[in-house]
Structure formats: structure tokens, C-alpha cells
Amino acid sequence: MAILDADTSVGYELPQIARQFRLEHFKRADEKTIHTDTEAARREGLPAPVAVGPQVAALIFQQLRVCFERGWIEGGKCELTFRRPVFVTDFCVAKGTVTRREETADGVRLHCDVWIENQKGDKVIVGNASGIVPRRHG
């Protein structure tokens, strides 16, 4: 059952999804890239290997799936901006807030501000997303 419904009000805070990343999440065979190898990252001027962006953004997609269920899969929209690198050992939390309600032919589209913060509280990914929830009947 979806967490969001037609009674969800503007200002509602989405449940947070957190993950402690580890280098093992990004390793593939013997490849040595800025995502999998400390020396390769340092050669590019980075202090540590950088997490793969879509794997980090997946925290937001998981959050939206929990919140909207079918209304995310069949009607979800999302625009994200990657603002800062996430390193492979960062702790990240997906957060979000409902910002607007829109009546549509398919139900109520709930618009949300979404973002991911690292362990320092930096917003490393920001954006907006929306999904459909059924209208109340009765």
C-alpha cells in the first residue's frame, strides 16, 4: 500500500531512505576507474573514488516507489541535478517534501522536492518528482 494518498497535504515529509556506501558496491572485476580505485581517482585530482551517480540517485527512486507504488511506476516523473560528488564511503539520505497537489484525469498528482544529503548535510543531488495517487471516492 502506498504511503501517499489523496489526503496527503502540502508540506508532508517523505520517509527517508538511507544507505552507507562502500567501495564493494561499485567494484566490477579488475577494472580500475575513478569509481573503483583510489589511485585512479587521485590521478584525476579526487580525494577518493567517486560513487556512480545513478546508484546514488536510486535512493530517491526507491523512496518514490515506497511513497507512490503504482503511481510512481505508471505515472512518475523526476528531474535531478547532481551538484556534488558522492564518494564511495559516504553515508547518504534521500529526503523529500510534498510541495504541490494537481488534479489530473488520472487522479491527484503530488509534486515533491527531493534531494540526497551526505553525512556532512551537503545536498549532493537535488530535484523534483511527482507521482499519481487515486482520487478519493465518496
C-alpha atoms as a PDB file:
ATOM      1  CA  MET A   1       0.000   0.000   0.000  1.00  0.00           C
ATOM      2  CA  ALA A   2       1.336   3.405  -0.981  1.00  0.00           C
ATOM      3  CA  ILE A   3       2.236   5.852   1.774  1.00  0.00           C
ATOM      4  CA  LEU A   4       0.872   8.867  -0.127  1.00  0.00           C
ATOM      5  CA  ASP A   5      -2.812   9.211  -0.964  1.00  0.00           C
ATOM      6  CA  ALA A   6      -5.401  11.824  -1.955  1.00  0.00           C
ATOM      7  CA  ASP A   7      -5.432  13.161   1.627  1.00  0.00           C
ATOM      8  CA  THR A   8      -1.680  13.870   1.701  1.00  0.00           C
ATOM      9  CA  SER A   9      -1.140  17.564   2.297  1.00  0.00           C
ATOM     10  CA  VAL A  10       1.478  20.003   1.029  1.00  0.00           C
ATOM     11  CA  GLY A  11       4.382  20.018   3.475  1.00  0.00           C
ATOM     12  CA  TYR A  12       4.270  16.274   4.155  1.00  0.00           C
ATOM     13  CA  GLU A  13       7.818  14.945   4.594  1.00  0.00           C
ATOM     14  CA  LEU A  14       8.579  11.777   2.660  1.00  0.00           C
ATOM     15  CA  PRO A  15      10.074   8.896   4.617  1.00  0.00           C
ATOM     16  CA  GLN A  16      13.845   8.958   4.449  1.00  0.00           C
ATOM     17  CA  ILE A  17      15.867   6.223   2.766  1.00  0.00           C
ATOM     18  CA  ALA A  18      19.490   5.943   3.922  1.00  0.00           C
ATOM     19  CA  ARG A  19      22.493   3.959   2.793  1.00  0.00           C
ATOM     20  CA  GLN A  20      26.093   3.631   3.835  1.00  0.00           C
ATOM     21  CA  PHE A  21      28.025   3.180   0.592  1.00  0.00           C
ATOM     22  CA  ARG A  22      31.117   1.005   0.394  1.00  0.00           C
ATOM     23  CA  LEU A  23      33.687   0.534  -2.332  1.00  0.00           C
ATOM     24  CA  GLU A  24      32.384  -3.014  -2.896  1.00  0.00           C
ATOM     25  CA  HIS A  25      29.077  -1.550  -4.161  1.00  0.00           C
ATOM     26  CA  PHE A  26      30.905  -0.137  -7.190  1.00  0.00           C
ATOM     27  CA  LYS A  27      33.653  -2.685  -7.967  1.00  0.00           C
ATOM     28  CA  ARG A  28      33.449  -4.733 -11.139  1.00  0.00           C
ATOM     29  CA  ALA A  29      36.049  -7.391 -11.858  1.00  0.00           C
ATOM     30  CA  ASP A  30      39.531  -5.907 -12.158  1.00  0.00           C
ATOM     31  CA  GLU A  31      38.572  -2.513 -13.574  1.00  0.00           C
ATOM     32  CA  LYS A  32      40.461   0.447 -12.177  1.00  0.00           C
ATOM     33  CA  THR A  33      38.468   3.631 -12.681  1.00  0.00           C
ATOM     34  CA  ILE A  34      37.730   6.746 -10.645  1.00  0.00           C
ATOM     35  CA  HIS A  35      34.745   4.783  -9.297  1.00  0.00           C
ATOM     36  CA  THR A  36      36.653   1.706  -8.171  1.00  0.00           C
ATOM     37  CA  ASP A  37      40.281   2.594  -7.491  1.00  0.00           C
ATOM     38  CA  THR A  38      41.850   5.100  -5.100  1.00  0.00           C
ATOM     39  CA  GLU A  39      44.937   5.682  -7.261  1.00  0.00           C
ATOM     40  CA  ALA A  40      42.874   6.259 -10.427  1.00  0.00           C
ATOM     41  CA  ALA A  41      40.741   8.787  -8.525  1.00  0.00           C
ATOM     42  CA  ARG A  42      43.825  10.591  -7.178  1.00  0.00           C
ATOM     43  CA  ARG A  43      45.331  10.835 -10.673  1.00  0.00           C
ATOM     44  CA  GLU A  44      42.198  12.816 -11.605  1.00  0.00           C
ATOM     45  CA  GLY A  45      42.572  15.116  -8.581  1.00  0.00           C
ATOM     46  CA  LEU A  46      39.909  13.444  -6.462  1.00  0.00           C
ATOM     47  CA  PRO A  47      40.496  12.611  -2.792  1.00  0.00           C
ATOM     48  CA  ALA A  48      38.780   9.209  -3.136  1.00  0.00           C
ATOM     49  CA  PRO A  49      36.821   7.120  -5.645  1.00  0.00           C
ATOM     50  CA  VAL A  50      33.513   8.674  -6.691  1.00  0.00           C
ATOM     51  CA  ALA A  51      30.250   6.761  -6.411  1.00  0.00           C
ATOM     52  CA  VAL A  52      28.375   6.069  -9.653  1.00  0.00           C
ATOM     53  CA  GLY A  53      25.642   8.738  -9.908  1.00  0.00           C
ATOM     54  CA  PRO A  54      22.698   6.509 -10.897  1.00  0.00           C
ATOM     55  CA  GLN A  55      23.409   4.165  -7.981  1.00  0.00           C
ATOM     56  CA  VAL A  56      23.227   7.106  -5.578  1.00  0.00           C
ATOM     57  CA  ALA A  57      20.105   8.551  -7.264  1.00  0.00           C
ATOM     58  CA  ALA A  58      18.480   5.140  -6.848  1.00  0.00           C
ATOM     59  CA  LEU A  59      17.855   6.107  -3.209  1.00  0.00           C
ATOM     60  CA  ILE A  60      15.375   8.716  -4.451  1.00  0.00           C
ATOM     61  CA  PHE A  61      13.738   6.244  -6.836  1.00  0.00           C
ATOM     62  CA  GLN A  62      13.384   3.719  -4.009  1.00  0.00           C
ATOM     63  CA  GLN A  63      11.816   6.431  -1.833  1.00  0.00           C
ATOM     64  CA  LEU A  64       9.332   7.363  -4.578  1.00  0.00           C
ATOM     65  CA  ARG A  65       8.438   3.710  -5.178  1.00  0.00           C
ATOM     66  CA  VAL A  66       7.611   3.312  -1.489  1.00  0.00           C
ATOM     67  CA  CYS A  67       5.605   6.543  -1.417  1.00  0.00           C
ATOM     68  CA  PHE A  68       3.592   6.181  -4.640  1.00  0.00           C
ATOM     69  CA  GLU A  69       3.847   2.479  -5.531  1.00  0.00           C
ATOM     70  CA  ARG A  70       1.918   2.015  -8.809  1.00  0.00           C
ATOM     71  CA  GLY A  71       1.515   5.796  -9.182  1.00  0.00           C
ATOM     72  CA  TRP A  72       5.288   6.107  -9.465  1.00  0.00           C
ATOM     73  CA  ILE A  73       5.771   3.209 -11.869  1.00  0.00           C
ATOM     74  CA  GLU A  74       2.937   4.197 -14.212  1.00  0.00           C
ATOM     75  CA  GLY A  75       2.946   7.985 -13.920  1.00  0.00           C
ATOM     76  CA  GLY A  76       6.102   9.083 -12.157  1.00  0.00           C
ATOM     77  CA  LYS A  77       8.242  11.983 -13.320  1.00  0.00           C
ATOM     78  CA  CYS A  78      11.591  13.110 -11.982  1.00  0.00           C
ATOM     79  CA  GLU A  79      14.253  15.704 -12.784  1.00  0.00           C
ATOM     80  CA  LEU A  80      17.521  15.594 -10.869  1.00  0.00           C
ATOM     81  CA  THR A  81      20.658  17.717 -10.722  1.00  0.00           C
ATOM     82  CA  PHE A  82      23.894  16.174  -9.494  1.00  0.00           C
ATOM     83  CA  ARG A  83      25.536  19.000  -7.513  1.00  0.00           C
ATOM     84  CA  ARG A  84      28.500  17.397  -5.762  1.00  0.00           C
ATOM     85  CA  PRO A  85      30.402  14.144  -5.971  1.00  0.00           C
ATOM     86  CA  VAL A  86      29.486  11.349  -3.616  1.00  0.00           C
ATOM     87  CA  PHE A  87      32.468   9.318  -2.546  1.00  0.00           C
ATOM     88  CA  VAL A  88      32.279   5.545  -2.293  1.00  0.00           C
ATOM     89  CA  THR A  89      32.331   5.581   1.511  1.00  0.00           C
ATOM     90  CA  ASP A  90      29.739   8.339   2.021  1.00  0.00           C
ATOM     91  CA  PHE A  91      26.584   7.898   4.061  1.00  0.00           C
ATOM     92  CA  CYS A  92      23.633   9.313   2.107  1.00  0.00           C
ATOM     93  CA  VAL A  93      19.993  10.005   2.935  1.00  0.00           C
ATOM     94  CA  ALA A  94      17.183  10.610   0.437  1.00  0.00           C
ATOM     95  CA  LYS A  95      14.729  13.220   1.690  1.00  0.00           C
ATOM     96  CA  GLY A  96      11.708  14.950   0.240  1.00  0.00           C
ATOM     97  CA  THR A  97       8.649  17.096   0.824  1.00  0.00           C
ATOM     98  CA  VAL A  98       5.295  17.325  -0.942  1.00  0.00           C
ATOM     99  CA  THR A  99       5.125  20.810  -2.468  1.00  0.00           C
ATOM    100  CA  ARG A 100       2.011  20.852  -4.629  1.00  0.00           C
ATOM    101  CA  ARG A 101      -1.184  18.959  -5.494  1.00  0.00           C
ATOM    102  CA  GLU A 102      -2.599  18.863  -9.010  1.00  0.00           C
ATOM    103  CA  GLU A 103      -5.924  17.356 -10.112  1.00  0.00           C
ATOM    104  CA  THR A 104      -5.494  15.291 -13.284  1.00  0.00           C
ATOM    105  CA  ALA A 105      -7.647  12.955 -15.334  1.00  0.00           C
ATOM    106  CA  ASP A 106      -5.792  10.007 -13.746  1.00  0.00           C
ATOM    107  CA  GLY A 107      -6.058  11.119 -10.115  1.00  0.00           C
ATOM    108  CA  VAL A 108      -4.117  13.571  -7.984  1.00  0.00           C
ATOM    109  CA  ARG A 109      -0.527  14.295  -8.988  1.00  0.00           C
ATOM    110  CA  LEU A 110       1.583  15.077  -5.932  1.00  0.00           C
ATOM    111  CA  HIS A 111       4.685  17.133  -6.692  1.00  0.00           C
ATOM    112  CA  CYS A 112       7.689  16.842  -4.385  1.00  0.00           C
ATOM    113  CA  ASP A 113      11.055  18.443  -3.840  1.00  0.00           C
ATOM    114  CA  VAL A 114      13.549  15.596  -3.434  1.00  0.00           C
ATOM    115  CA  TRP A 115      17.225  15.550  -2.522  1.00  0.00           C
ATOM    116  CA  ILE A 116      20.063  13.459  -1.176  1.00  0.00           C
ATOM    117  CA  GLU A 117      22.290  14.640   1.649  1.00  0.00           C
ATOM    118  CA  ASN A 118      25.667  13.197   2.530  1.00  0.00           C
ATOM    119  CA  GLN A 119      26.926  12.707   6.094  1.00  0.00           C
ATOM    120  CA  LYS A 120      28.004  16.373   6.223  1.00  0.00           C
ATOM    121  CA  GLY A 121      24.492  17.578   5.391  1.00  0.00           C
ATOM    122  CA  ASP A 122      25.516  18.698   1.880  1.00  0.00           C
ATOM    123  CA  LYS A 123      22.792  18.352  -0.731  1.00  0.00           C
ATOM    124  CA  VAL A 124      24.607  16.268  -3.327  1.00  0.00           C
ATOM    125  CA  ILE A 125      21.600  15.593  -5.588  1.00  0.00           C
ATOM    126  CA  VAL A 126      18.532  17.861  -5.803  1.00  0.00           C
ATOM    127  CA  GLY A 127      15.424  17.831  -7.910  1.00  0.00           C
ATOM    128  CA  ASN A 128      11.709  17.458  -8.163  1.00  0.00           C
ATOM    129  CA  ALA A 129       9.496  14.448  -8.701  1.00  0.00           C
ATOM    130  CA  SER A 130       5.836  13.616  -8.904  1.00  0.00           C
ATOM    131  CA  GLY A 131       3.522  10.645  -8.980  1.00  0.00           C
ATOM    132  CA  ILE A 132      -0.189   9.908  -9.182  1.00  0.00           C
ATOM    133  CA  VAL A 133      -2.399   8.876  -6.283  1.00  0.00           C
ATOM    134  CA  PRO A 134      -6.034   7.810  -6.749  1.00  0.00           C
ATOM    135  CA  ARG A 135      -8.812  10.310  -6.064  1.00  0.00           C
ATOM    136  CA  ARG A 136     -10.977   9.731  -3.014  1.00  0.00           C
ATOM    137  CA  HIS A 137     -14.309   8.161  -3.818  1.00  0.00           C
ATOM    138  CA  GLY A 138     -17.372   9.026  -1.847  1.00  0.00           C
END
